[in-house]
């Protein structure tokens, strides 16, 4: 099958119109609006099958333990993506994905009617329902309808959200798309481990030594880049004892040791003392209770580049 084949055998090339004069035994996908059609050409005739719609995490073999974003990540997930509080009258409301999978920002803007919306809950689209929540109005991050390129985001400025039920055993993997403009340490995710020995993941340590990941078992200094006012950044962090790894924009920064404890609780946006807050935007947060394969990592990285314009 010479046409439609890519380096990843789980992925076929997509076209808006069928190729002209394809060779025999070719296979490809034709995209017709929201419909995708699998086409096989045997040399004489075409055979077509309409495919079930999918979202990015449907394309990978590694099942997410928890996943959060302002887009639909799994086709089977039909619940809300986010819950907002309208600051003018304190009314709260859930908002869902539009038919194409993107957050229905039009509905949100109509409901807000020119006032701010604070994020009460960022819903877990996985099977565990480990939603990130913040009941305190003073600590709720801000919803941003368009943080450039038509991409919505959640803005943390001395704000935080969390879920005490989140658990994962080693090895486990985080993947995050975010940016930061804080002039000092900016903690995106603070996790509690078992046995109790506080561990901090510091994804953006600005003006010091770039981006670091710290734990009770050691600290990884990932790069020497100051992330302030930089473009959206992808961080992939494997927590696996001596084989731990940090990747920035799909480039391996360093392999090192980060301890051997398991995850039993999670706060995003600040440390437990909230003195090193994440001043910046969160776009996507994925947790896997395993190491993610290179093939799956490549698919997610491609999605991060396309969806969020990560350089």
Protein backbone atom coordinates (compact mmCIF):
# COMPACT_ATOMS: atom_id res chain seq x y z
CA UNK A 1 0.00 0.00 0.00
CA UNK A 2 2.19 2.79 -1.30
CA UNK A 3 -0.15 5.75 -0.76
CA UNK A 4 -1.44 6.88 2.57
CA UNK A 5 1.25 5.07 4.56
CA UNK A 6 3.22 7.02 7.16
CA UNK A 7 6.04 6.18 9.53
CA UNK A 8 3.44 5.47 12.20
CA UNK A 9 1.51 2.42 11.02
CA UNK A 10 -1.49 3.50 13.12
CA UNK A 11 -1.86 6.68 11.10
CA UNK A 12 -3.08 7.08 7.51
CA UNK A 13 -2.66 10.16 5.37
CA UNK A 14 -5.81 12.30 5.14
CA UNK A 15 -7.00 14.05 1.96
CA UNK A 16 -9.90 16.37 1.23
CA UNK A 17 -10.16 14.84 -2.26
CA UNK A 18 -9.10 11.39 -3.45
CA UNK A 19 -5.61 11.11 -5.00
CA UNK A 20 -5.45 11.07 -8.79
CA UNK A 21 -4.47 7.71 -10.34
CA UNK A 22 -3.40 5.98 -7.11
CA UNK A 23 -1.57 2.67 -7.44
CA UNK A 24 -3.35 -0.61 -6.78
CA UNK A 25 -3.78 -1.71 -3.16
CA UNK A 26 -3.69 1.88 -1.85
CA UNK A 27 -5.48 3.07 1.27
CA UNK A 28 -6.15 6.57 2.61
CA UNK A 29 -8.67 8.68 4.50
CA UNK A 30 -10.88 11.26 2.81
CA UNK A 31 -12.07 14.08 5.05
CA UNK A 32 -15.52 15.49 4.24
CA UNK A 33 -16.26 18.21 6.77
CA UNK A 34 -16.69 16.38 10.08
CA UNK A 35 -16.94 12.98 8.34
CA UNK A 36 -13.92 10.75 7.69
CA UNK A 37 -14.05 8.00 5.08
CA UNK A 38 -11.59 5.14 4.81
CA UNK A 39 -10.90 4.42 1.13
CA UNK A 40 -9.26 1.29 -0.30
CA UNK A 41 -8.41 1.10 -4.03
CA UNK A 42 -7.72 -2.40 -5.39
CA UNK A 43 -6.56 -1.19 -8.81
CA UNK A 44 -10.02 -1.14 -10.37
CA UNK A 45 -12.60 -0.13 -7.77
CA UNK A 46 -12.74 1.94 -4.60
CA UNK A 47 -14.23 0.55 -1.40
CA UNK A 48 -15.30 3.03 1.26
CA UNK A 49 -16.18 2.84 4.95
CA UNK A 50 -17.33 5.83 7.02
CA UNK A 51 -15.21 5.98 10.17
CA UNK A 52 -16.41 6.78 13.65
CA UNK A 53 -15.25 10.24 14.77
CA UNK A 54 -12.30 10.36 17.13
CA UNK A 55 -10.40 12.80 19.31
CA UNK A 56 -6.69 12.95 20.04
CA UNK A 57 -6.57 10.53 22.99
CA UNK A 58 -8.59 7.98 21.01
CA UNK A 59 -5.59 7.68 18.71
CA UNK A 60 -3.12 6.43 21.31
CA UNK A 61 -2.72 3.04 22.94
CA UNK A 62 -1.90 4.42 26.41
CA UNK A 63 -5.11 5.11 28.31
CA UNK A 64 -5.06 8.37 30.30
CA UNK A 65 -5.55 8.20 34.05
CA UNK A 66 -6.87 11.77 34.04
CA UNK A 67 -7.08 14.37 31.29
CA UNK A 68 -8.08 18.03 31.27
CA UNK A 69 -8.40 20.55 28.43
CA UNK A 70 -10.70 23.11 26.87
CA UNK A 71 -11.31 20.72 23.99
CA UNK A 72 -12.86 17.24 23.89
CA UNK A 73 -10.02 14.74 24.30
CA UNK A 74 -11.99 11.47 24.02
CA UNK A 75 -14.95 10.91 21.69
CA UNK A 76 -16.75 8.89 24.36
CA UNK A 77 -16.66 11.81 26.80
CA UNK A 78 -19.90 13.80 26.52
CA UNK A 79 -19.78 15.67 29.84
CA UNK A 80 -18.90 19.32 30.44
CA UNK A 81 -15.37 20.61 29.93
CA UNK A 82 -15.47 23.51 32.38
CA UNK A 83 -17.67 25.15 35.02
CA UNK A 84 -17.60 28.94 35.27
CA UNK A 85 -18.79 31.52 37.78
CA UNK A 86 -20.06 34.79 36.33
CA UNK A 87 -18.59 37.55 38.47
CA UNK A 88 -21.49 39.96 38.02
CA UNK A 89 -24.06 37.80 39.83
CA UNK A 90 -22.06 34.74 41.06
CA UNK A 91 -24.17 32.34 38.95
CA UNK A 92 -22.36 29.14 37.95
CA UNK A 93 -22.80 27.12 34.76
CA UNK A 94 -21.25 24.12 32.98
CA UNK A 95 -20.06 24.43 29.39
CA UNK A 96 -19.56 21.68 26.83
CA UNK A 97 -17.74 21.01 23.59
CA UNK A 98 -19.31 22.11 20.32
CA UNK A 99 -19.95 19.39 17.69
CA UNK A 100 -16.38 19.60 16.35
CA UNK A 101 -14.84 19.01 19.78
CA UNK A 102 -13.77 22.56 20.63
CA UNK A 103 -15.12 24.35 23.68
CA UNK A 104 -18.30 26.28 22.86
CA UNK A 105 -16.73 29.68 23.44
CA UNK A 106 -19.58 31.43 21.64
CA UNK A 107 -22.04 30.16 24.25
CA UNK A 108 -19.69 31.20 27.05
CA UNK A 109 -19.26 34.75 25.75
CA UNK A 110 -23.01 35.14 25.32
CA UNK A 111 -23.59 33.97 28.89
CA UNK A 112 -20.85 36.19 30.36
CA UNK A 113 -22.17 39.20 28.45
CA UNK A 114 -19.00 41.23 28.86
CA UNK A 115 -18.06 40.32 32.44
CA UNK A 116 -15.36 37.96 33.71
CA UNK A 117 -15.80 34.26 34.25
CA UNK A 118 -13.88 32.45 36.98
CA UNK A 119 -13.14 28.72 36.74
CA UNK A 120 -14.92 26.69 39.41
CA UNK A 121 -14.13 23.27 37.91
CA UNK A 122 -11.97 21.90 35.13
CA UNK A 123 -13.50 18.51 34.44
CA UNK A 124 -11.59 15.26 34.14
CA UNK A 125 -12.52 13.67 30.81
CA UNK A 126 -11.19 10.27 31.90
CA UNK A 127 -13.03 7.48 33.66
CA UNK A 128 -12.08 8.50 37.21
CA UNK A 129 -13.89 11.86 37.34
CA UNK A 130 -10.99 13.49 39.18
CA UNK A 131 -12.15 17.04 38.50
CA UNK A 132 -9.96 20.00 39.44
CA UNK A 133 -12.07 22.30 41.61
CA UNK A 134 -11.79 25.51 43.58
CA UNK A 135 -14.69 26.51 45.84
CA UNK A 136 -13.08 29.74 47.10
CA UNK A 137 -13.97 32.65 44.81
CA UNK A 138 -10.74 34.46 45.70
CA UNK A 139 -8.59 31.59 44.42
CA UNK A 140 -10.44 30.71 41.21
CA UNK A 141 -8.42 31.23 38.01
CA UNK A 142 -9.74 33.34 35.15
CA UNK A 143 -11.24 31.99 31.94
CA UNK A 144 -9.68 33.53 28.81
CA UNK A 145 -11.72 33.11 25.63
CA UNK A 146 -8.84 33.74 23.22
CA UNK A 147 -5.22 33.70 24.31
CA UNK A 148 -4.03 34.00 20.71
CA UNK A 149 -4.90 32.02 17.63
CA UNK A 150 -8.43 31.46 18.85
CA UNK A 151 -7.18 29.20 21.65
CA UNK A 152 -8.98 29.50 25.02
CA UNK A 153 -6.99 29.17 28.24
CA UNK A 154 -7.16 29.27 32.03
CA UNK A 155 -5.15 32.10 33.58
CA UNK A 156 -3.59 31.49 36.99
CA UNK A 157 -2.44 34.56 38.94
CA UNK A 158 -1.96 33.50 42.57
CA UNK A 159 -4.80 31.01 42.00
CA UNK A 160 -4.99 27.26 42.36
CA UNK A 161 -7.20 24.21 41.88
CA UNK A 162 -6.86 20.63 43.05
CA UNK A 163 -8.19 17.16 43.69
CA UNK A 164 -7.23 15.06 46.68
CA UNK A 165 -8.37 11.81 45.02
CA UNK A 166 -5.82 11.77 42.20
CA UNK A 167 -3.53 8.74 42.50
CA UNK A 168 -0.87 7.17 40.33
CA UNK A 169 1.85 4.60 40.95
CA UNK A 170 5.33 4.71 39.54
CA UNK A 171 6.07 5.01 36.73
CA UNK A 172 3.65 7.81 35.89
CA UNK A 173 3.76 10.57 33.30
CA UNK A 174 2.53 14.16 33.15
CA UNK A 175 2.09 16.08 29.89
CA UNK A 176 1.28 19.77 30.18
CA UNK A 177 0.89 22.67 27.77
CA UNK A 178 1.26 26.02 29.52
CA UNK A 179 3.07 29.35 29.55
CA UNK A 180 4.38 31.53 32.36
CA UNK A 181 5.43 35.12 32.89
CA UNK A 182 6.25 35.06 36.60
CA UNK A 183 9.68 36.53 37.38
CA UNK A 184 10.60 33.81 39.87
CA UNK A 185 9.74 30.20 40.61
CA UNK A 186 6.36 29.34 39.09
CA UNK A 187 4.90 26.05 40.27
CA UNK A 188 2.35 24.57 37.90
CA UNK A 189 1.69 21.35 39.79
CA UNK A 190 2.33 20.37 43.39
CA UNK A 191 1.79 16.73 44.22
CA UNK A 192 1.59 14.86 47.47
CA UNK A 193 3.18 11.45 47.63
CA UNK A 194 3.08 8.30 49.74
CA UNK A 195 4.69 7.91 52.20
CA UNK A 196 4.26 11.60 53.09
CA UNK A 197 7.26 13.51 51.82
CA UNK A 198 6.24 16.58 49.88
CA UNK A 199 7.31 16.66 46.27
CA UNK A 200 7.11 19.68 44.00
CA UNK A 201 6.96 19.74 40.24
CA UNK A 202 8.22 23.14 39.12
CA UNK A 203 7.71 23.36 35.39
CA UNK A 204 8.79 26.97 34.93
CA UNK A 205 11.56 28.29 37.15
CA UNK A 206 12.08 31.64 35.52
CA UNK A 207 15.21 33.72 35.76
CA UNK A 208 16.99 31.05 37.81
CA UNK A 209 17.84 27.93 35.85
CA UNK A 210 15.01 27.51 33.42
CA UNK A 211 12.55 24.72 34.03
CA UNK A 212 13.06 22.27 36.84
CA UNK A 213 11.35 19.31 38.38
CA UNK A 214 11.93 18.70 42.07
CA UNK A 215 11.03 15.88 44.40
CA UNK A 216 11.88 14.50 47.80
CA UNK A 217 14.30 12.19 46.03
CA UNK A 218 16.16 14.83 44.07
CA UNK A 219 15.88 17.69 41.60
CA UNK A 220 16.13 17.61 37.83
CA UNK A 221 17.36 20.82 36.23
CA UNK A 222 15.84 20.51 32.82
CA UNK A 223 17.05 23.50 30.84
CA UNK A 224 18.52 26.97 31.18
CA UNK A 225 15.75 28.79 29.32
CA UNK A 226 13.90 31.69 30.91
CA UNK A 227 10.26 30.96 30.01
CA UNK A 228 8.87 34.41 30.86
CA UNK A 229 6.79 35.85 28.00
CA UNK A 230 7.63 32.85 25.86
CA UNK A 231 5.29 30.93 23.62
CA UNK A 232 3.22 28.00 24.86
CA UNK A 233 5.47 25.21 26.02
CA UNK A 234 4.96 21.47 26.16
CA UNK A 235 6.37 19.61 29.16
CA UNK A 236 6.48 15.83 29.33
CA UNK A 237 7.66 14.49 32.68
CA UNK A 238 8.18 10.82 33.44
CA UNK A 239 8.46 10.08 37.15
CA UNK A 240 10.20 6.73 37.39
CA UNK A 241 12.82 6.77 40.13
CA UNK A 242 16.31 6.65 38.66
CA UNK A 243 14.91 6.63 35.11
CA UNK A 244 12.95 9.87 35.40
CA UNK A 245 12.98 12.23 32.45
CA UNK A 246 11.91 15.73 31.45
CA UNK A 247 11.14 16.77 27.88
CA UNK A 248 10.56 20.32 26.68
CA UNK A 249 8.79 20.64 23.32
CA UNK A 250 9.54 16.97 22.65
CA UNK A 251 13.28 17.37 23.26
CA UNK A 252 14.75 15.33 26.11
CA UNK A 253 16.32 17.78 28.54
CA UNK A 254 17.76 15.38 31.08
CA UNK A 255 17.44 11.95 32.67
CA UNK A 256 17.92 11.81 36.43
CA UNK A 257 16.56 10.47 39.73
CA UNK A 258 13.40 11.90 41.27
CA UNK A 259 12.60 9.54 44.10
CA UNK A 260 10.33 6.50 44.14
CA UNK A 261 7.09 7.56 45.86
CA UNK A 262 3.62 7.36 44.35
CA UNK A 263 1.17 10.17 43.67
CA UNK A 264 -1.77 10.49 46.08
CA UNK A 265 -3.01 14.07 45.65
CA UNK A 266 -2.55 17.00 43.31
CA UNK A 267 -2.76 20.81 43.30
CA UNK A 268 -2.27 22.86 40.14
CA UNK A 269 -1.36 26.54 40.05
CA UNK A 270 0.70 26.77 43.25
CA UNK A 271 2.62 24.97 45.96
CA UNK A 272 0.82 23.78 49.04
CA UNK A 273 1.87 27.02 50.72
CA UNK A 274 0.74 28.95 47.60
CA UNK A 275 3.86 31.09 47.76
CA UNK A 276 5.22 30.07 44.35
CA UNK A 277 2.17 30.46 42.18
CA UNK A 278 1.80 29.74 38.49
CA UNK A 279 1.36 33.16 36.90
CA UNK A 280 0.50 32.05 33.40
CA UNK A 281 -1.91 30.08 31.25
CA UNK A 282 -2.84 26.42 31.36
CA UNK A 283 -4.09 24.82 28.13
CA UNK A 284 -3.92 21.07 28.68
CA UNK A 285 -2.98 18.66 31.47
CA UNK A 286 -2.66 14.88 30.98
CA UNK A 287 -1.78 12.21 33.54
CA UNK A 288 -0.86 8.63 32.65
CA UNK A 289 -0.33 5.94 35.28
CA UNK A 290 2.47 4.49 33.14
CA UNK A 291 5.29 5.44 30.84
CA UNK A 292 3.96 6.67 27.50
CA UNK A 293 5.38 4.95 24.43
CA UNK A 294 7.43 6.86 21.87
CA UNK A 295 4.70 6.32 19.27
CA UNK A 296 2.00 7.72 21.54
CA UNK A 297 4.24 10.59 22.64
CA UNK A 298 4.72 11.50 19.00
CA UNK A 299 0.98 11.60 18.38
CA UNK A 300 0.38 13.80 21.44
CA UNK A 301 3.26 16.09 20.50
CA UNK A 302 1.83 16.54 17.00
CA UNK A 303 -1.52 17.44 18.53
CA UNK A 304 0.12 19.96 20.89
CA UNK A 305 1.83 21.66 17.98
CA UNK A 306 -1.32 21.83 15.87
CA UNK A 307 -3.87 22.61 18.56
CA UNK A 308 -1.87 25.05 20.66
CA UNK A 309 0.77 26.29 18.20
CA UNK A 310 3.61 25.05 20.40
CA UNK A 311 6.85 25.84 18.55
